[in-house]
N, C-alpha and C. Protein backbone atom coordinates (compact mmCIF):
# COMPACT_ATOMS: atom_id res chain seq x y z
N MET A 1 -8.32 -22.66 1.66
CA MET A 1 -9.67 -23.08 1.48
C MET A 1 -10.03 -24.19 2.47
N PHE A 2 -9.10 -25.15 2.69
CA PHE A 2 -9.38 -26.24 3.60
C PHE A 2 -9.55 -25.73 5.03
N ARG A 3 -8.74 -24.75 5.40
CA ARG A 3 -8.87 -24.18 6.74
C ARG A 3 -10.27 -23.61 6.95
N ARG A 4 -10.78 -22.91 5.93
CA ARG A 4 -12.10 -22.32 6.02
C ARG A 4 -13.17 -23.42 6.14
N LEU A 5 -13.04 -24.49 5.37
CA LEU A 5 -14.01 -25.59 5.40
C LEU A 5 -14.06 -26.28 6.75
N PHE A 6 -12.89 -26.40 7.40
CA PHE A 6 -12.83 -27.11 8.66
C PHE A 6 -12.77 -26.17 9.87
N GLY A 7 -13.11 -24.90 9.65
CA GLY A 7 -13.19 -23.95 10.75
C GLY A 7 -11.86 -23.61 11.38
N GLN A 8 -10.78 -23.72 10.63
CA GLN A 8 -9.46 -23.43 11.17
C GLN A 8 -8.83 -22.23 10.47
N GLU A 9 -9.66 -21.34 9.99
CA GLU A 9 -9.14 -20.18 9.27
C GLU A 9 -8.38 -19.28 10.24
N ARG A 10 -7.29 -18.74 9.77
CA ARG A 10 -6.46 -17.86 10.60
C ARG A 10 -7.18 -16.54 10.82
N THR A 11 -6.91 -15.94 11.98
CA THR A 11 -7.45 -14.61 12.24
C THR A 11 -6.64 -13.61 11.45
N THR A 12 -7.11 -12.38 11.38
CA THR A 12 -6.42 -11.33 10.63
C THR A 12 -5.00 -11.12 11.15
N GLU A 13 -4.83 -11.21 12.47
CA GLU A 13 -3.50 -10.99 13.04
C GLU A 13 -2.54 -12.11 12.67
N GLU A 14 -3.07 -13.34 12.51
CA GLU A 14 -2.21 -14.48 12.21
C GLU A 14 -1.87 -14.61 10.74
N ALA A 15 -2.70 -14.04 9.87
CA ALA A 15 -2.56 -14.25 8.44
C ALA A 15 -1.20 -13.76 7.94
N PRO A 16 -0.49 -14.58 7.15
CA PRO A 16 0.80 -14.13 6.62
C PRO A 16 0.59 -12.99 5.64
N GLY A 17 1.56 -12.11 5.58
CA GLY A 17 1.46 -11.00 4.64
C GLY A 17 0.44 -9.97 5.08
N ASN A 18 0.16 -9.90 6.38
CA ASN A 18 -0.85 -8.97 6.87
C ASN A 18 -0.25 -7.57 6.97
N ASN A 19 0.11 -7.02 5.82
CA ASN A 19 0.60 -5.67 5.73
C ASN A 19 0.19 -5.13 4.36
N ARG A 20 0.28 -3.85 4.16
CA ARG A 20 -0.22 -3.28 2.92
C ARG A 20 0.64 -3.62 1.70
N TYR A 21 1.80 -4.21 1.91
CA TYR A 21 2.67 -4.59 0.81
C TYR A 21 2.42 -6.02 0.34
N GLY A 22 1.73 -6.81 1.14
CA GLY A 22 1.52 -8.20 0.80
C GLY A 22 2.76 -9.06 1.01
N ILE A 23 3.65 -8.62 1.88
CA ILE A 23 4.89 -9.34 2.15
C ILE A 23 4.66 -10.33 3.30
N ASP A 24 4.99 -11.58 3.07
CA ASP A 24 4.94 -12.60 4.11
C ASP A 24 6.30 -12.61 4.81
N GLU A 25 6.31 -12.24 6.07
CA GLU A 25 7.58 -12.13 6.79
C GLU A 25 8.26 -13.47 6.98
N ASN A 26 7.54 -14.58 6.81
CA ASN A 26 8.12 -15.91 6.96
C ASN A 26 8.70 -16.45 5.66
N SER A 27 8.50 -15.77 4.57
CA SER A 27 9.05 -16.19 3.27
C SER A 27 10.38 -15.50 3.03
N ARG A 28 11.02 -15.85 1.92
CA ARG A 28 12.27 -15.21 1.53
C ARG A 28 12.06 -14.60 0.15
N TYR A 29 12.80 -13.54 -0.15
CA TYR A 29 12.62 -12.79 -1.39
C TYR A 29 13.95 -12.48 -2.04
N CYS A 30 13.92 -12.42 -3.37
CA CYS A 30 15.11 -12.01 -4.11
C CYS A 30 15.16 -10.49 -4.11
N PRO A 31 16.29 -9.90 -3.67
CA PRO A 31 16.38 -8.45 -3.65
C PRO A 31 16.48 -7.84 -5.05
N GLN A 32 16.80 -8.66 -6.06
CA GLN A 32 16.94 -8.14 -7.42
C GLN A 32 15.65 -8.24 -8.21
N CYS A 33 15.07 -9.44 -8.32
CA CYS A 33 13.88 -9.62 -9.15
C CYS A 33 12.58 -9.61 -8.35
N GLY A 34 12.67 -9.76 -7.01
CA GLY A 34 11.49 -9.70 -6.16
C GLY A 34 10.72 -11.00 -6.04
N ASP A 35 11.20 -12.09 -6.64
CA ASP A 35 10.51 -13.37 -6.55
C ASP A 35 10.43 -13.83 -5.09
N GLU A 36 9.33 -14.52 -4.77
CA GLU A 36 9.12 -15.02 -3.42
C GLU A 36 9.43 -16.52 -3.35
N TYR A 37 10.08 -16.93 -2.25
CA TYR A 37 10.48 -18.33 -2.06
C TYR A 37 10.07 -18.81 -0.67
N ARG A 38 10.03 -20.11 -0.51
CA ARG A 38 9.79 -20.70 0.81
C ARG A 38 10.96 -20.34 1.72
N ALA A 39 10.73 -20.43 3.02
CA ALA A 39 11.73 -20.01 4.01
C ALA A 39 13.03 -20.79 3.94
N GLU A 40 12.98 -22.06 3.52
CA GLU A 40 14.21 -22.86 3.51
C GLU A 40 15.09 -22.64 2.28
N ILE A 41 14.59 -21.96 1.26
CA ILE A 41 15.38 -21.67 0.05
C ILE A 41 16.31 -20.49 0.35
N GLU A 42 17.55 -20.57 -0.10
CA GLU A 42 18.51 -19.52 0.23
C GLU A 42 19.02 -18.73 -0.97
N THR A 43 18.83 -19.24 -2.20
CA THR A 43 19.36 -18.58 -3.38
C THR A 43 18.27 -18.45 -4.44
N CYS A 44 18.21 -17.32 -5.12
CA CYS A 44 17.24 -17.10 -6.19
C CYS A 44 17.62 -17.96 -7.39
N SER A 45 16.66 -18.71 -7.90
CA SER A 45 16.96 -19.59 -9.03
C SER A 45 17.15 -18.80 -10.32
N ALA A 46 16.56 -17.63 -10.43
CA ALA A 46 16.69 -16.83 -11.64
C ALA A 46 17.94 -15.95 -11.63
N CYS A 47 18.24 -15.35 -10.48
CA CYS A 47 19.34 -14.39 -10.39
C CYS A 47 20.62 -14.96 -9.78
N SER A 48 20.52 -16.12 -9.13
CA SER A 48 21.65 -16.77 -8.47
C SER A 48 22.31 -15.90 -7.40
N ILE A 49 21.48 -15.15 -6.66
CA ILE A 49 22.00 -14.34 -5.56
C ILE A 49 21.28 -14.74 -4.27
N PRO A 50 21.90 -14.46 -3.11
CA PRO A 50 21.28 -14.82 -1.83
C PRO A 50 19.95 -14.08 -1.63
N LEU A 51 19.00 -14.78 -1.02
CA LEU A 51 17.69 -14.20 -0.73
C LEU A 51 17.72 -13.47 0.59
N ILE A 52 16.76 -12.56 0.76
CA ILE A 52 16.59 -11.85 2.03
C ILE A 52 15.28 -12.32 2.65
N SER A 53 15.14 -12.14 3.94
CA SER A 53 13.91 -12.55 4.63
C SER A 53 12.79 -11.56 4.32
N GLY A 54 11.57 -12.01 4.56
CA GLY A 54 10.42 -11.14 4.37
C GLY A 54 10.48 -9.93 5.28
N SER A 55 11.01 -10.13 6.48
CA SER A 55 11.16 -9.01 7.43
C SER A 55 12.11 -7.96 6.88
N GLU A 56 13.21 -8.41 6.28
CA GLU A 56 14.17 -7.47 5.69
C GLU A 56 13.54 -6.72 4.52
N LYS A 57 12.81 -7.45 3.67
CA LYS A 57 12.17 -6.81 2.52
C LYS A 57 11.16 -5.78 2.98
N LEU A 58 10.36 -6.11 3.99
CA LEU A 58 9.37 -5.19 4.52
C LEU A 58 10.03 -3.94 5.11
N ALA A 59 11.13 -4.14 5.83
CA ALA A 59 11.86 -3.00 6.40
C ALA A 59 12.41 -2.10 5.29
N ASN A 60 12.93 -2.70 4.21
CA ASN A 60 13.45 -1.92 3.08
C ASN A 60 12.34 -1.10 2.43
N LEU A 61 11.18 -1.71 2.24
CA LEU A 61 10.06 -1.00 1.62
C LEU A 61 9.58 0.16 2.49
N LYS A 62 9.51 -0.08 3.80
CA LYS A 62 9.07 0.98 4.71
C LYS A 62 10.07 2.12 4.75
N GLN A 63 11.35 1.79 4.61
CA GLN A 63 12.40 2.81 4.62
C GLN A 63 12.32 3.70 3.38
N GLN A 64 11.85 3.14 2.26
CA GLN A 64 11.75 3.89 1.02
C GLN A 64 10.52 4.79 0.95
N GLU A 65 9.59 4.65 1.90
CA GLU A 65 8.39 5.48 1.91
C GLU A 65 8.75 6.93 2.21
N PRO A 66 7.93 7.85 1.71
CA PRO A 66 8.14 9.26 2.07
C PRO A 66 7.97 9.43 3.58
N ASP A 67 8.70 10.41 4.14
CA ASP A 67 8.62 10.65 5.58
C ASP A 67 7.23 11.04 6.03
N SER A 68 6.54 11.79 5.21
CA SER A 68 5.18 12.18 5.57
C SER A 68 4.31 12.15 4.32
N ALA A 69 3.04 11.99 4.55
CA ALA A 69 2.10 11.92 3.42
C ALA A 69 2.09 13.23 2.64
N SER A 70 2.38 14.35 3.30
CA SER A 70 2.34 15.63 2.61
C SER A 70 3.44 15.73 1.54
N ASP A 71 4.58 15.05 1.76
CA ASP A 71 5.64 15.07 0.75
C ASP A 71 5.18 14.42 -0.55
N PHE A 72 4.37 13.40 -0.42
CA PHE A 72 3.94 12.63 -1.57
C PHE A 72 2.67 13.18 -2.20
N THR A 73 1.91 13.93 -1.45
CA THR A 73 0.61 14.38 -1.93
C THR A 73 0.60 15.82 -2.41
N GLU A 74 1.74 16.34 -2.77
CA GLU A 74 1.80 17.68 -3.33
C GLU A 74 1.22 17.66 -4.74
N ILE A 75 0.41 18.65 -5.07
CA ILE A 75 -0.16 18.76 -6.41
C ILE A 75 0.53 19.92 -7.11
N SER A 76 1.07 19.65 -8.29
CA SER A 76 1.76 20.70 -9.03
C SER A 76 0.85 21.26 -10.12
N VAL A 77 1.29 22.35 -10.73
CA VAL A 77 0.54 22.99 -11.80
C VAL A 77 0.41 22.06 -13.00
N ALA A 78 1.38 21.21 -13.20
CA ALA A 78 1.38 20.30 -14.36
C ALA A 78 0.44 19.11 -14.18
N ASP A 79 0.00 18.83 -12.95
CA ASP A 79 -0.88 17.68 -12.71
C ASP A 79 -2.26 17.91 -13.30
N GLU A 80 -2.79 16.83 -13.88
CA GLU A 80 -4.15 16.89 -14.41
C GLU A 80 -5.12 16.64 -13.26
N LEU A 81 -6.12 17.48 -13.13
CA LEU A 81 -7.11 17.32 -12.07
C LEU A 81 -8.38 16.71 -12.64
N VAL A 82 -8.98 15.83 -11.87
CA VAL A 82 -10.20 15.15 -12.29
C VAL A 82 -11.21 15.28 -11.16
N SER A 83 -12.40 15.70 -11.49
CA SER A 83 -13.46 15.78 -10.50
C SER A 83 -14.05 14.39 -10.30
N ILE A 84 -14.01 13.90 -9.06
CA ILE A 84 -14.52 12.55 -8.82
C ILE A 84 -15.80 12.53 -7.99
N GLN A 85 -16.10 13.61 -7.30
CA GLN A 85 -17.29 13.63 -6.46
C GLN A 85 -17.71 15.06 -6.18
N ALA A 86 -18.99 15.30 -6.18
CA ALA A 86 -19.53 16.61 -5.80
C ALA A 86 -20.47 16.40 -4.63
N GLY A 87 -20.48 17.34 -3.73
CA GLY A 87 -21.37 17.23 -2.58
C GLY A 87 -20.96 18.17 -1.49
N LYS A 88 -21.59 17.99 -0.33
CA LYS A 88 -21.31 18.84 0.82
C LYS A 88 -19.95 18.49 1.40
N LEU A 89 -19.29 19.50 1.95
CA LEU A 89 -17.94 19.35 2.50
C LEU A 89 -17.89 18.24 3.55
N GLY A 90 -18.91 18.14 4.38
CA GLY A 90 -18.94 17.12 5.42
C GLY A 90 -18.89 15.70 4.87
N TYR A 91 -19.42 15.50 3.66
CA TYR A 91 -19.40 14.18 3.03
C TYR A 91 -18.09 13.94 2.28
N LEU A 92 -17.47 15.01 1.82
CA LEU A 92 -16.26 14.86 1.01
C LEU A 92 -14.99 14.71 1.84
N LYS A 93 -14.96 15.28 3.03
CA LYS A 93 -13.76 15.20 3.87
C LYS A 93 -13.34 13.76 4.14
N PRO A 94 -14.26 12.85 4.51
CA PRO A 94 -13.84 11.45 4.73
C PRO A 94 -13.25 10.81 3.46
N LEU A 95 -13.78 11.17 2.31
CA LEU A 95 -13.23 10.65 1.06
C LEU A 95 -11.81 11.14 0.85
N GLN A 96 -11.56 12.39 1.18
CA GLN A 96 -10.22 12.94 1.05
C GLN A 96 -9.24 12.21 1.97
N HIS A 97 -9.68 11.85 3.17
CA HIS A 97 -8.81 11.13 4.10
C HIS A 97 -8.49 9.74 3.57
N LEU A 98 -9.45 9.08 2.93
CA LEU A 98 -9.19 7.77 2.33
C LEU A 98 -8.14 7.87 1.22
N LEU A 99 -8.26 8.89 0.40
CA LEU A 99 -7.29 9.09 -0.67
C LEU A 99 -5.90 9.37 -0.08
N ARG A 100 -5.85 10.22 0.92
CA ARG A 100 -4.58 10.59 1.53
C ARG A 100 -3.90 9.37 2.17
N ALA A 101 -4.68 8.45 2.73
CA ALA A 101 -4.12 7.25 3.34
C ALA A 101 -3.38 6.40 2.30
N ASP A 102 -3.78 6.48 1.04
CA ASP A 102 -3.10 5.75 -0.04
C ASP A 102 -2.18 6.66 -0.85
N TYR A 103 -1.81 7.80 -0.27
CA TYR A 103 -0.89 8.76 -0.89
C TYR A 103 -1.40 9.27 -2.23
N ILE A 104 -2.71 9.49 -2.32
CA ILE A 104 -3.31 10.06 -3.52
C ILE A 104 -3.67 11.50 -3.21
N PRO A 105 -3.06 12.47 -3.89
CA PRO A 105 -3.35 13.87 -3.60
C PRO A 105 -4.77 14.23 -4.01
N SER A 106 -5.37 15.16 -3.28
CA SER A 106 -6.72 15.61 -3.61
C SER A 106 -6.92 17.04 -3.16
N ILE A 107 -7.88 17.70 -3.79
CA ILE A 107 -8.24 19.08 -3.45
C ILE A 107 -9.74 19.13 -3.28
N LEU A 108 -10.19 19.80 -2.24
CA LEU A 108 -11.62 20.07 -2.09
C LEU A 108 -11.84 21.50 -2.54
N ALA A 109 -12.74 21.68 -3.49
CA ALA A 109 -12.99 23.01 -4.03
C ALA A 109 -14.48 23.31 -3.96
N GLY A 110 -14.80 24.53 -3.59
CA GLY A 110 -16.19 24.94 -3.53
C GLY A 110 -16.69 25.38 -4.91
N ASP A 111 -17.99 25.52 -4.98
CA ASP A 111 -18.62 25.99 -6.22
C ASP A 111 -18.49 27.50 -6.27
N ASN A 112 -17.96 28.05 -7.37
CA ASN A 112 -17.72 29.48 -7.48
C ASN A 112 -18.94 30.28 -7.93
N THR A 113 -20.01 29.60 -8.26
CA THR A 113 -21.20 30.33 -8.72
C THR A 113 -21.95 30.88 -7.53
N SER A 114 -22.41 32.11 -7.66
CA SER A 114 -23.16 32.73 -6.56
C SER A 114 -24.64 32.55 -6.80
N LYS A 115 -25.36 32.44 -5.72
CA LYS A 115 -26.81 32.27 -5.82
C LYS A 115 -27.49 33.59 -5.51
N GLY A 116 -28.50 33.91 -6.29
CA GLY A 116 -29.26 35.10 -5.98
C GLY A 116 -29.14 36.11 -6.99
């Protein structure tokens, strides 16, 4: 808040934790409970185990991601489907891309009723 008041706010590139996981690469983390610590702390106070760097935690999280979005966005017969938007295909395609970016599966379906 003080940085903002005095015009010293960090740019988006400088901001710590500028990743989708919210991990600050300059902090340290407990690999067991996930608690975050300042960089100079070396042991988790709750678990009594050595901490890992934010860079290591981020690398571990990225390694656990599916290789491709299609692996994660498969829809099975058992999945419950919910209609969230109706409209023209041109308007719905960008919405589908937003969902896919967050690994949320989606289906675009046309109206089966015939006119005439």
